[in-house]
């Protein structure tokens, strides 16, 4: 449970999906050299700013965990200049249930922990969800909403 103890020390968490958030339909269309492992630099810049400004821990909830594994994801993140020093991978379960179960397990500490979920598919009923439009990826509007959630008093 070392991971949980470290989480308790953190006050801000960003649960991150990848497809539709860091890469988007718009990016695919304007990038002639697009490959599966290339992210939209604008979305990456905004995510990095969100992490840095909030000293947040990034928790990967993308199905990429099962497809590519932690080592390859970190390599792709480095290639795309995503901050990798503050990344954790949630347990190998369905991402929706995984986020909900993780948040429930931290329920007694939620007053101390602020979190936001960046995803394009999860149900709108999840609290603190920024439902990113997969056509555009993570935008400045999404960034402002996520930042407001992480800094809510």
Protein backbone atom coordinates (compact mmCIF):
# COMPACT_ATOMS: atom_id res chain seq x y z
CA UNK A 1 0.00 0.00 0.00
CA UNK A 2 3.01 2.31 -0.40
CA UNK A 3 1.35 3.76 -3.51
CA UNK A 4 -1.77 4.72 -1.49
CA UNK A 5 0.34 6.31 1.25
CA UNK A 6 2.17 8.37 -1.37
CA UNK A 7 -1.15 9.40 -2.90
CA UNK A 8 -2.38 10.62 0.46
CA UNK A 9 0.63 12.93 0.62
CA UNK A 10 -0.30 14.35 -2.81
CA UNK A 11 -3.11 16.84 -2.84
CA UNK A 12 -3.91 16.95 -6.55
CA UNK A 13 -4.45 14.10 -9.00
CA UNK A 14 -5.09 14.08 -12.75
CA UNK A 15 -6.64 10.88 -14.11
CA UNK A 16 -5.68 10.79 -17.81
CA UNK A 17 -7.07 8.95 -20.78
CA UNK A 18 -4.90 9.25 -23.91
CA UNK A 19 -6.91 8.75 -27.12
CA UNK A 20 -9.15 11.73 -27.78
CA UNK A 21 -7.33 13.76 -25.12
CA UNK A 22 -3.70 13.97 -26.25
CA UNK A 23 -4.42 13.03 -29.85
CA UNK A 24 -7.52 14.18 -31.73
CA UNK A 25 -9.33 13.98 -35.05
CA UNK A 26 -8.24 17.55 -35.85
CA UNK A 27 -4.61 16.68 -35.15
CA UNK A 28 -4.81 13.59 -37.38
CA UNK A 29 -6.15 15.69 -40.25
CA UNK A 30 -3.53 18.46 -40.09
CA UNK A 31 -0.51 16.22 -39.47
CA UNK A 32 0.70 14.57 -42.67
CA UNK A 33 3.34 12.56 -40.78
CA UNK A 34 0.95 11.28 -38.09
CA UNK A 35 1.78 7.97 -36.39
CA UNK A 36 -0.01 6.19 -33.52
CA UNK A 37 2.60 7.38 -31.02
CA UNK A 38 2.42 11.10 -31.85
CA UNK A 39 0.48 13.53 -29.63
CA UNK A 40 -0.82 16.99 -30.35
CA UNK A 41 1.88 19.36 -29.01
CA UNK A 42 -0.75 21.94 -27.96
CA UNK A 43 -2.59 19.37 -25.83
CA UNK A 44 0.70 18.17 -24.34
CA UNK A 45 1.75 21.73 -23.49
CA UNK A 46 -1.55 22.37 -21.70
CA UNK A 47 -1.35 19.06 -19.80
CA UNK A 48 2.22 19.78 -18.71
CA UNK A 49 1.17 23.25 -17.56
CA UNK A 50 -1.70 21.73 -15.56
CA UNK A 51 0.69 19.25 -13.91
CA UNK A 52 3.34 21.87 -13.12
CA UNK A 53 1.00 24.62 -11.92
CA UNK A 54 -0.80 22.23 -9.59
CA UNK A 55 2.13 19.99 -8.62
CA UNK A 56 -0.24 17.19 -9.58
CA UNK A 57 0.32 13.48 -9.93
CA UNK A 58 -0.70 12.04 -13.31
CA UNK A 59 -2.52 8.70 -13.14
CA UNK A 60 -2.88 6.90 -16.46
CA UNK A 61 -6.30 5.29 -16.90
CA UNK A 62 -6.13 4.78 -20.67
CA UNK A 63 -6.69 1.35 -22.15
CA UNK A 64 -3.16 1.83 -23.52
CA UNK A 65 -2.07 0.32 -20.17
CA UNK A 66 -3.22 -3.10 -21.37
CA UNK A 67 -2.29 -2.65 -25.03
CA UNK A 68 1.20 -1.15 -24.75
CA UNK A 69 2.25 -1.46 -21.11
CA UNK A 70 3.86 0.99 -18.74
CA UNK A 71 7.36 0.94 -20.23
CA UNK A 72 6.25 1.73 -23.80
CA UNK A 73 3.77 4.38 -22.64
CA UNK A 74 6.52 6.17 -20.72
CA UNK A 75 8.73 5.99 -23.83
CA UNK A 76 5.96 7.49 -25.99
CA UNK A 77 5.33 10.19 -23.36
CA UNK A 78 9.02 11.12 -23.36
CA UNK A 79 9.03 11.24 -27.17
CA UNK A 80 6.11 13.70 -26.99
CA UNK A 81 7.58 15.77 -24.12
CA UNK A 82 4.87 14.78 -21.62
CA UNK A 83 6.20 15.12 -18.08
CA UNK A 84 6.96 11.60 -16.91
CA UNK A 85 8.40 12.08 -13.42
CA UNK A 86 4.96 12.35 -11.84
CA UNK A 87 3.19 9.42 -13.57
CA UNK A 88 1.50 6.45 -11.91
CA UNK A 89 -0.54 3.67 -13.49
CA UNK A 90 -3.86 2.67 -11.92
CA UNK A 91 -4.48 -1.04 -11.37
CA UNK A 92 -5.18 -3.25 -14.38
CA UNK A 93 -8.98 -3.00 -14.30
CA UNK A 94 -11.64 -1.33 -16.37
CA UNK A 95 -10.86 2.39 -16.39
CA UNK A 96 -14.32 3.57 -15.30
CA UNK A 97 -14.55 1.09 -12.44
CA UNK A 98 -10.89 1.69 -11.65
CA UNK A 99 -11.35 5.43 -11.19
CA UNK A 100 -14.56 5.01 -9.22
CA UNK A 101 -13.05 2.31 -6.97
CA UNK A 102 -9.89 4.33 -6.42
CA UNK A 103 -11.86 7.44 -5.48
CA UNK A 104 -14.10 5.40 -3.16
CA UNK A 105 -11.01 3.87 -1.51
CA UNK A 106 -9.71 7.38 -0.89
CA UNK A 107 -13.10 8.68 0.27
CA UNK A 108 -11.99 9.59 3.78
CA UNK A 109 -9.17 11.66 2.34
CA UNK A 110 -11.12 13.36 -0.45
CA UNK A 111 -11.29 16.61 1.50
CA UNK A 112 -7.50 16.72 1.25
CA UNK A 113 -7.22 15.34 -2.27
CA UNK A 114 -8.38 17.26 -5.29
CA UNK A 115 -8.72 15.39 -8.54
CA UNK A 116 -9.85 15.81 -12.12
CA UNK A 117 -10.57 13.19 -14.79
CA UNK A 118 -9.60 13.98 -18.39
CA UNK A 119 -11.42 11.58 -20.71
CA UNK A 120 -13.50 11.59 -23.88
CA UNK A 121 -15.70 8.54 -23.17
CA UNK A 122 -16.51 8.18 -19.46
CA UNK A 123 -20.11 8.91 -18.40
CA UNK A 124 -21.00 12.50 -17.55
CA UNK A 125 -22.22 11.34 -14.13
CA UNK A 126 -18.65 11.08 -12.80
CA UNK A 127 -17.74 13.97 -10.57
CA UNK A 128 -14.81 16.17 -11.60
CA UNK A 129 -14.87 14.83 -15.16
CA UNK A 130 -13.71 17.06 -17.97
CA UNK A 131 -15.25 15.35 -20.97
CA UNK A 132 -12.76 16.23 -23.68
CA UNK A 133 -14.12 16.52 -27.22
CA UNK A 134 -12.18 13.91 -29.25
CA UNK A 135 -12.48 16.12 -32.33
CA UNK A 136 -10.24 18.74 -30.69
CA UNK A 137 -8.38 16.97 -27.88
CA UNK A 138 -7.40 18.73 -24.65
CA UNK A 139 -7.94 22.46 -25.25
CA UNK A 140 -7.36 25.67 -23.33
CA UNK A 141 -11.05 25.66 -22.31
CA UNK A 142 -10.59 22.15 -20.87
CA UNK A 143 -7.41 23.31 -19.15
CA UNK A 144 -9.21 26.23 -17.47
CA UNK A 145 -12.02 23.96 -16.26
CA UNK A 146 -9.56 21.34 -14.95
CA UNK A 147 -7.47 23.99 -13.21
CA UNK A 148 -10.59 25.42 -11.55
CA UNK A 149 -11.55 21.96 -10.24
CA UNK A 150 -8.05 21.34 -8.88
CA UNK A 151 -8.04 24.72 -7.14
CA UNK A 152 -11.59 24.66 -5.82
CA UNK A 153 -11.76 25.50 -2.13
